[in-house]
Protein backbone atom coordinates (compact mmCIF):
# COMPACT_ATOMS: atom_id res chain seq x y z
CA UNK A 1 -41.99 -13.39 -32.35
CA UNK A 2 -42.64 -9.65 -31.86
CA UNK A 3 -42.44 -7.77 -28.56
CA UNK A 4 -42.48 -10.83 -26.28
CA UNK A 5 -43.62 -10.15 -22.74
CA UNK A 6 -40.97 -12.55 -21.51
CA UNK A 7 -38.18 -14.76 -22.76
CA UNK A 8 -34.97 -16.30 -21.46
CA UNK A 9 -31.48 -14.85 -21.54
CA UNK A 10 -28.15 -16.58 -20.99
CA UNK A 11 -24.86 -15.23 -19.69
CA UNK A 12 -22.63 -17.85 -21.31
CA UNK A 13 -19.44 -18.45 -19.35
CA UNK A 14 -16.71 -19.77 -21.64
CA UNK A 15 -12.94 -19.93 -21.63
CA UNK A 16 -11.07 -17.28 -23.57
CA UNK A 17 -8.34 -18.76 -25.77
CA UNK A 18 -5.89 -15.89 -26.15
CA UNK A 19 -4.01 -15.16 -29.37
CA UNK A 20 -1.04 -13.37 -27.78
CA UNK A 21 1.40 -16.10 -28.75
CA UNK A 22 0.34 -16.05 -32.40
CA UNK A 23 3.22 -14.87 -34.57
CA UNK A 24 1.12 -12.96 -37.12
CA UNK A 25 -2.43 -12.07 -38.13
CA UNK A 26 -2.96 -15.28 -40.08
CA UNK A 27 -2.10 -17.41 -37.05
CA UNK A 28 -4.28 -15.26 -34.81
CA UNK A 29 -7.24 -15.52 -37.19
CA UNK A 30 -6.98 -19.31 -37.17
CA UNK A 31 -7.26 -19.28 -33.36
CA UNK A 32 -10.17 -16.84 -33.51
CA UNK A 33 -12.01 -19.07 -35.97
CA UNK A 34 -11.46 -22.07 -33.69
CA UNK A 35 -13.04 -20.09 -30.85
CA UNK A 36 -16.04 -19.19 -33.01
CA UNK A 37 -16.50 -22.81 -34.07
CA UNK A 38 -16.36 -23.91 -30.44
CA UNK A 39 -18.89 -21.25 -29.47
CA UNK A 40 -21.28 -22.37 -32.19
CA UNK A 41 -21.40 -25.83 -30.66
CA UNK A 42 -21.76 -24.51 -27.10
CA UNK A 43 -24.54 -22.12 -28.05
CA UNK A 44 -26.47 -24.84 -29.89
CA UNK A 45 -26.21 -27.22 -26.93
CA UNK A 46 -27.14 -24.51 -24.42
CA UNK A 47 -30.29 -23.54 -26.32
CA UNK A 48 -31.30 -27.18 -26.62
CA UNK A 49 -31.08 -27.46 -22.83
CA UNK A 50 -32.59 -24.10 -21.84
CA UNK A 51 -35.36 -24.00 -24.43
CA UNK A 52 -36.05 -22.25 -27.69
CA UNK A 53 -37.41 -19.17 -25.94
CA UNK A 54 -33.76 -18.32 -25.17
CA UNK A 55 -33.60 -15.16 -27.26
CA UNK A 56 -30.54 -13.37 -25.86
CA UNK A 57 -27.03 -14.75 -25.26
CA UNK A 58 -24.23 -12.63 -23.86
CA UNK A 59 -20.59 -13.67 -24.29
CA UNK A 60 -17.68 -12.64 -22.05
CA UNK A 61 -15.08 -9.97 -22.62
CA UNK A 62 -11.99 -11.11 -24.57
CA UNK A 63 -13.78 -14.23 -25.84
CA UNK A 64 -12.15 -13.97 -29.29
CA UNK A 65 -8.60 -12.88 -28.58
CA UNK A 66 -7.68 -12.18 -24.98
CA UNK A 67 -6.12 -8.81 -24.21
CA UNK A 68 -2.81 -7.28 -25.38
CA UNK A 69 0.22 -8.07 -23.23
CA UNK A 70 3.31 -6.21 -24.41
CA UNK A 71 1.99 -5.56 -27.92
CA UNK A 72 2.21 -2.04 -29.26
CA UNK A 73 -1.04 -0.31 -30.19
CA UNK A 74 -0.30 -0.76 -33.89
CA UNK A 75 0.94 -4.32 -33.33
CA UNK A 76 -2.24 -5.43 -31.55
CA UNK A 77 -4.40 -3.68 -34.13
CA UNK A 78 -2.64 -5.57 -36.91
CA UNK A 79 -2.59 -8.97 -35.22
CA UNK A 80 -5.77 -9.33 -33.23
CA UNK A 81 -8.36 -6.64 -33.99
CA UNK A 82 -11.43 -7.32 -36.11
CA UNK A 83 -12.67 -5.07 -38.89
CA UNK A 84 -16.06 -3.36 -38.63
CA UNK A 85 -17.45 -5.56 -41.39
CA UNK A 86 -15.01 -8.40 -40.86
CA UNK A 87 -15.30 -12.14 -41.30
CA UNK A 88 -15.53 -12.64 -37.53
CA UNK A 89 -18.79 -10.71 -37.31
CA UNK A 90 -20.08 -12.57 -40.35
CA UNK A 91 -19.35 -15.92 -38.69
CA UNK A 92 -20.95 -14.87 -35.41
CA UNK A 93 -23.90 -13.48 -37.36
CA UNK A 94 -24.48 -16.89 -38.92
CA UNK A 95 -24.71 -18.37 -35.41
CA UNK A 96 -27.26 -15.74 -34.41
CA UNK A 97 -29.20 -16.33 -37.61
CA UNK A 98 -29.19 -20.10 -37.26
CA UNK A 99 -30.57 -20.03 -33.73
CA UNK A 100 -32.77 -16.92 -34.11
CA UNK A 101 -31.10 -15.18 -31.19
CA UNK A 102 -29.64 -11.83 -30.25
CA UNK A 103 -25.93 -12.45 -29.64
CA UNK A 104 -23.91 -9.94 -27.62
CA UNK A 105 -20.16 -9.83 -27.09
CA UNK A 106 -17.03 -7.74 -26.96
CA UNK A 107 -14.06 -7.48 -29.32
CA UNK A 108 -11.08 -5.31 -30.16
CA UNK A 109 -11.98 -3.49 -33.35
CA UNK A 110 -10.24 -1.20 -35.84
CA UNK A 111 -12.02 1.74 -37.45
CA UNK A 112 -10.84 3.26 -40.77
CA UNK A 113 -11.65 6.71 -39.39
CA UNK A 114 -8.90 6.27 -36.78
CA UNK A 115 -5.86 4.60 -38.37
CA UNK A 116 -3.29 3.21 -35.97
CA UNK A 117 -5.79 2.90 -33.14
CA UNK A 118 -8.36 0.35 -32.03
CA UNK A 119 -11.37 0.39 -29.74
CA UNK A 120 -12.79 -2.17 -27.36
CA UNK A 121 -16.22 -2.65 -28.85
CA UNK A 122 -19.39 -4.18 -27.46
CA UNK A 123 -21.74 -5.44 -30.14
CA UNK A 124 -25.17 -7.02 -30.51
CA UNK A 125 -26.12 -9.14 -33.51
CA UNK A 126 -29.82 -9.68 -34.21
CA UNK A 127 -31.50 -12.89 -35.52
CA UNK A 128 -30.85 -11.78 -39.10
CA UNK A 129 -27.13 -11.74 -38.33
CA UNK A 130 -26.87 -7.96 -38.58
CA UNK A 131 -25.10 -5.72 -36.07
CA UNK A 132 -27.81 -3.63 -34.39
CA UNK A 133 -25.61 -2.13 -31.67
CA UNK A 134 -21.97 -1.05 -31.61
CA UNK A 135 -20.73 0.57 -28.41
CA UNK A 136 -17.09 1.58 -27.87
CA UNK A 137 -15.79 1.44 -24.30
CA UNK A 138 -15.41 4.97 -22.93
CA UNK A 139 -13.31 4.32 -19.80
CA UNK A 140 -10.12 2.29 -20.14
CA UNK A 141 -6.71 2.56 -18.55
CA UNK A 142 -4.68 0.81 -21.25
CA UNK A 143 -6.65 1.11 -24.51
CA UNK A 144 -7.78 3.97 -26.74
CA UNK A 145 -11.35 5.19 -26.25
CA UNK A 146 -13.64 7.58 -28.14
CA UNK A 147 -12.87 10.19 -25.49
CA UNK A 148 -9.20 10.13 -26.49
CA UNK A 149 -10.19 11.31 -29.99
CA UNK A 150 -13.37 13.01 -28.83
CA UNK A 151 -13.88 15.84 -31.31
CA UNK A 152 -13.34 13.68 -34.37
CA UNK A 153 -15.37 10.82 -32.90
CA UNK A 154 -18.36 13.11 -32.41
CA UNK A 155 -17.96 14.35 -35.97
CA UNK A 156 -18.03 10.75 -37.20
CA UNK A 157 -20.76 9.24 -35.04
CA UNK A 158 -22.50 11.93 -32.98
CA UNK A 159 -23.50 11.61 -29.35
CA UNK A 160 -26.07 8.91 -30.11
CA UNK A 161 -23.22 6.83 -31.52
CA UNK A 162 -21.37 7.24 -28.24
CA UNK A 163 -24.37 6.06 -26.19
CA UNK A 164 -26.28 3.71 -28.52
CA UNK A 165 -29.46 1.88 -27.52
CA UNK A 166 -30.91 -0.78 -29.83
CA UNK A 167 -34.71 -0.88 -29.74
CA UNK A 168 -35.47 -4.49 -30.60
CA UNK A 169 -38.21 -7.10 -30.42
CA UNK A 170 -36.82 -8.26 -27.05
CA UNK A 171 -36.52 -4.82 -25.48
CA UNK A 172 -34.17 -1.87 -25.56
CA UNK A 173 -30.62 -3.22 -25.38
CA UNK A 174 -27.50 -1.33 -24.31
CA UNK A 175 -23.97 -2.45 -23.54
CA UNK A 176 -21.57 -1.88 -20.68
CA UNK A 177 -17.96 -2.98 -21.10
CA UNK A 178 -16.24 -4.77 -18.25
CA UNK A 179 -15.21 -2.36 -15.47
CA UNK A 180 -17.56 0.30 -16.86
CA UNK A 181 -20.15 -1.26 -14.58
CA UNK A 182 -18.34 0.84 -11.92
CA UNK A 183 -19.14 4.09 -13.76
CA UNK A 184 -22.77 5.04 -13.03
CA UNK A 185 -22.78 7.82 -15.62
CA UNK A 186 -22.37 5.40 -18.53
CA UNK A 187 -25.38 3.30 -17.55
CA UNK A 188 -27.37 6.44 -16.74
CA UNK A 189 -26.74 8.02 -20.14
CA UNK A 190 -27.95 4.78 -21.74
CA UNK A 191 -31.00 4.64 -19.47
CA UNK A 192 -31.80 8.23 -20.48
CA UNK A 193 -32.11 6.87 -24.01
CA UNK A 194 -34.45 4.07 -22.99
CA UNK A 195 -32.12 1.15 -22.15
CA UNK A 196 -33.98 -1.69 -20.43
CA UNK A 197 -31.43 -4.50 -20.56
CA UNK A 198 -27.70 -3.98 -20.05
CA UNK A 199 -25.54 -6.64 -21.70
CA UNK A 200 -22.28 -6.76 -19.75
CA UNK A 201 -19.29 -8.60 -21.20
CA UNK A 202 -16.61 -8.84 -18.53
CA UNK A 203 -13.48 -10.68 -17.48
CA UNK A 204 -12.98 -10.19 -13.77
CA UNK A 205 -11.80 -11.80 -10.56
CA UNK A 206 -14.59 -13.89 -9.05
CA UNK A 207 -15.15 -14.15 -5.33
CA UNK A 208 -18.01 -15.70 -3.37
CA UNK A 209 -17.94 -12.59 -1.20
CA UNK A 210 -19.45 -9.43 -2.66
CA UNK A 211 -16.93 -7.69 -4.94
CA UNK A 212 -17.07 -4.01 -5.97
CA UNK A 213 -18.14 -5.01 -9.48
CA UNK A 214 -20.88 -7.31 -8.22
CA UNK A 215 -22.14 -4.57 -5.92
CA UNK A 216 -22.12 -2.21 -8.90
CA UNK A 217 -24.12 -4.65 -11.04
CA UNK A 218 -26.88 -4.69 -8.43
CA UNK A 219 -26.75 -0.92 -8.08
CA UNK A 220 -26.91 -0.26 -11.84
CA UNK A 221 -29.96 -2.52 -12.04
CA UNK A 222 -31.78 -0.85 -9.14
CA UNK A 223 -31.08 2.78 -9.98
CA UNK A 224 -32.03 2.31 -13.65
CA UNK A 225 -34.85 -0.24 -13.20
CA UNK A 226 -33.06 -2.44 -15.72
CA UNK A 227 -31.85 -6.00 -16.18
CA UNK A 228 -28.11 -6.69 -16.14
CA UNK A 229 -26.93 -9.79 -18.02
CA UNK A 230 -23.28 -10.18 -17.03
CA UNK A 231 -21.09 -12.84 -18.66
CA UNK A 232 -17.64 -13.48 -17.18
CA UNK A 233 -14.84 -15.57 -18.63
CA UNK A 234 -14.18 -19.12 -17.48
CA UNK A 235 -10.50 -18.30 -17.36
CA UNK A 236 -8.06 -17.05 -19.98
CA UNK A 237 -5.86 -19.70 -21.57
CA UNK A 238 -2.52 -19.39 -23.37
CA UNK A 239 -1.08 -16.44 -21.46
CA UNK A 240 1.32 -16.22 -18.53
CA UNK A 241 -1.37 -15.17 -16.05
CA UNK A 242 -2.81 -18.25 -14.29
CA UNK A 243 -5.83 -19.43 -16.25
CA UNK A 244 -8.43 -19.18 -13.48
CA UNK A 245 -7.59 -15.62 -12.44
CA UNK A 246 -10.75 -14.37 -14.15
CA UNK A 247 -13.17 -17.25 -13.83
CA UNK A 248 -16.75 -17.48 -12.62
CA UNK A 249 -19.71 -15.59 -11.28
CA UNK A 250 -21.68 -14.88 -14.45
CA UNK A 251 -25.13 -13.72 -13.44
CA UNK A 252 -28.41 -12.12 -14.36
CA UNK A 253 -29.85 -9.39 -12.13
CA UNK A 254 -33.40 -8.14 -12.49
CA UNK A 255 -34.74 -4.58 -12.32
CA UNK A 256 -35.28 -4.94 -8.54
CA UNK A 257 -31.62 -5.79 -7.93
CA UNK A 258 -32.33 -9.47 -7.30
CA UNK A 259 -29.81 -12.00 -8.63
CA UNK A 260 -32.11 -14.39 -10.48
CA UNK A 261 -29.39 -16.66 -11.91
CA UNK A 262 -25.69 -17.17 -11.41
CA UNK A 263 -22.98 -19.75 -11.87
CA UNK A 264 -19.77 -20.73 -10.12
CA UNK A 265 -16.44 -21.32 -11.87
CA UNK A 266 -15.66 -23.13 -15.10
CA UNK A 267 -17.40 -23.18 -18.43
CA UNK A 268 -21.13 -23.07 -17.79
CA UNK A 269 -24.57 -22.27 -19.21
CA UNK A 270 -26.14 -22.25 -15.73
CA UNK A 271 -26.58 -18.45 -15.62
CA UNK A 272 -29.87 -18.25 -17.51
CA UNK A 273 -33.16 -16.72 -16.44
CA UNK A 274 -36.41 -15.22 -17.61
CA UNK A 275 -36.44 -11.61 -18.75
CA UNK A 276 -39.90 -10.36 -17.76
CA UNK A 277 -40.11 -7.34 -20.01
CA UNK A 278 -43.75 -6.65 -19.23
CA UNK A 279 -43.05 -6.52 -15.48
CA UNK A 280 -40.08 -4.19 -15.99
CA UNK A 281 -42.22 -1.80 -18.02
CA UNK A 282 -45.05 -1.90 -15.49
CA UNK A 283 -42.59 -0.96 -12.75
CA UNK A 284 -41.13 1.89 -14.78
CA UNK A 285 -44.61 3.33 -15.30
CA UNK A 286 -45.80 2.93 -11.71
CA UNK A 287 -45.60 6.08 -9.55
CA UNK A 288 -44.03 5.61 -6.14
CA UNK A 289 -40.96 5.69 -3.94
CA UNK A 290 -39.19 2.85 -5.74
CA UNK A 291 -39.39 4.39 -9.21
CA UNK A 292 -35.90 5.86 -8.97
CA UNK A 293 -35.64 6.39 -12.72
CA UNK A 294 -38.71 8.62 -12.97
CA UNK A 295 -37.62 10.57 -9.89
CA UNK A 296 -34.32 11.72 -11.40
CA UNK A 297 -33.71 15.51 -11.47
CA UNK A 298 -30.86 15.75 -13.93
CA UNK A 299 -30.84 19.55 -13.98
CA UNK A 300 -29.52 19.48 -10.41
CA UNK A 301 -26.26 17.87 -11.54
CA UNK A 302 -25.76 19.17 -15.08
CA UNK A 303 -23.86 22.35 -14.16
CA UNK A 304 -21.45 20.52 -11.85
CA UNK A 305 -20.55 18.14 -14.66
CA UNK A 306 -20.25 20.98 -17.17
CA UNK A 307 -17.69 22.94 -15.18
CA UNK A 308 -15.67 19.97 -13.90
CA UNK A 309 -12.68 18.77 -15.94
CA UNK A 310 -10.90 15.63 -14.76
CA UNK A 311 -9.41 13.23 -17.33
CA UNK A 312 -8.67 15.26 -20.50
CA UNK A 313 -10.22 14.61 -23.88
CA UNK A 314 -8.48 14.39 -27.26
CA UNK A 315 -5.08 13.29 -25.94
CA UNK A 316 -4.64 10.89 -28.89
CA UNK A 317 -6.22 13.04 -31.58
CA UNK A 318 -3.17 14.75 -33.05
CA UNK A 319 -0.23 12.54 -32.11
CA UNK A 320 0.95 8.95 -32.06
CA UNK A 321 1.44 7.53 -28.58
CA UNK A 322 2.74 4.38 -26.96
CA UNK A 323 1.32 2.51 -24.01
CA UNK A 324 3.17 4.70 -21.52
CA UNK A 325 0.81 7.49 -22.51
CA UNK A 326 -2.13 6.08 -20.53
CA UNK A 327 -0.44 5.99 -17.12
CA UNK A 328 1.33 9.29 -17.77
CA UNK A 329 -1.98 10.97 -18.53
CA UNK A 330 -3.61 9.52 -15.44
CA UNK A 331 -0.69 10.62 -13.26
CA UNK A 332 -0.88 14.16 -14.67
CA UNK A 333 -4.62 14.19 -13.95
CA UNK A 334 -4.06 13.09 -10.35
CA UNK A 335 -1.43 15.80 -9.82
CA UNK A 336 -3.69 18.51 -11.26
CA UNK A 337 -6.66 17.46 -9.14
CA UNK A 338 -4.44 17.36 -6.05
CA UNK A 339 -3.30 20.94 -6.69
CA UNK A 340 -6.94 21.99 -6.95
CA UNK A 341 -7.69 20.31 -3.61
CA UNK A 342 -10.18 17.92 -5.20
CA UNK A 343 -8.33 14.76 -4.18
């Protein structure tokens, strides 16, 4: 199928089985493989129920490993992080290939260009099983980001590697990682490059009242005339935090900001809906008040961004750090901005 006018997408809400208690990499990899095997069965059953026009499935944040709790940067990299061409991607690629789907998710990943560090990486696998999109989270409080090694990262991957958009048979796909839904600049830079569908892997507190992140999902969809496919965890097992702390509310939001599918708590494939790509493109090409994307005047804002310096770049480029570094850097940033009268 080439350039379908519409198809179905699924925000698959599954439990994360954390690997924190694994004693070494071998034990962690066994748990990761169990999670992949479980996902293969859940994906097959979900497609059988939804229909074979389900072309895009988004998985939650942390679905392979959970998040580090007390591990050093090097310790987590050694125990739980996947390699860029690792067996985990190969196994997930076989699932995508078997079901002829685009499979999106999020994992902690090591990069040989940056030894001793890891990045939280959003990925998309295409129906051939190949990675067609790799996006590294840019805003994180407790994990390294490309901005922390900015100069070298640009040398390695360029700005298009920082803000990648995959132009595929099912539309132009881009990724937002977890709380980055709260940062409008990330989505906007991706929309500038043609993003039509944001795949959003998250693990967040769910509430039936409107949360800041849910408000942001609607806003990112409206201001960019884009779909948001947001998959939350159905809890995180095998850690001290109560399992249901991040459970529920996976949803799909259309380019008008309308929630077209959502689910409650627990493991669920209920958050599926049609992606009407033809309608999205018609709306983007229609002059009028509601075409917020075409009405953007970026030159108005460019100089303010150029001369403003908040969180510093390259703080992890030349030195080894421990986890205290992240909060210390944020505190120093707050103090500097306070002295300038900005906050």
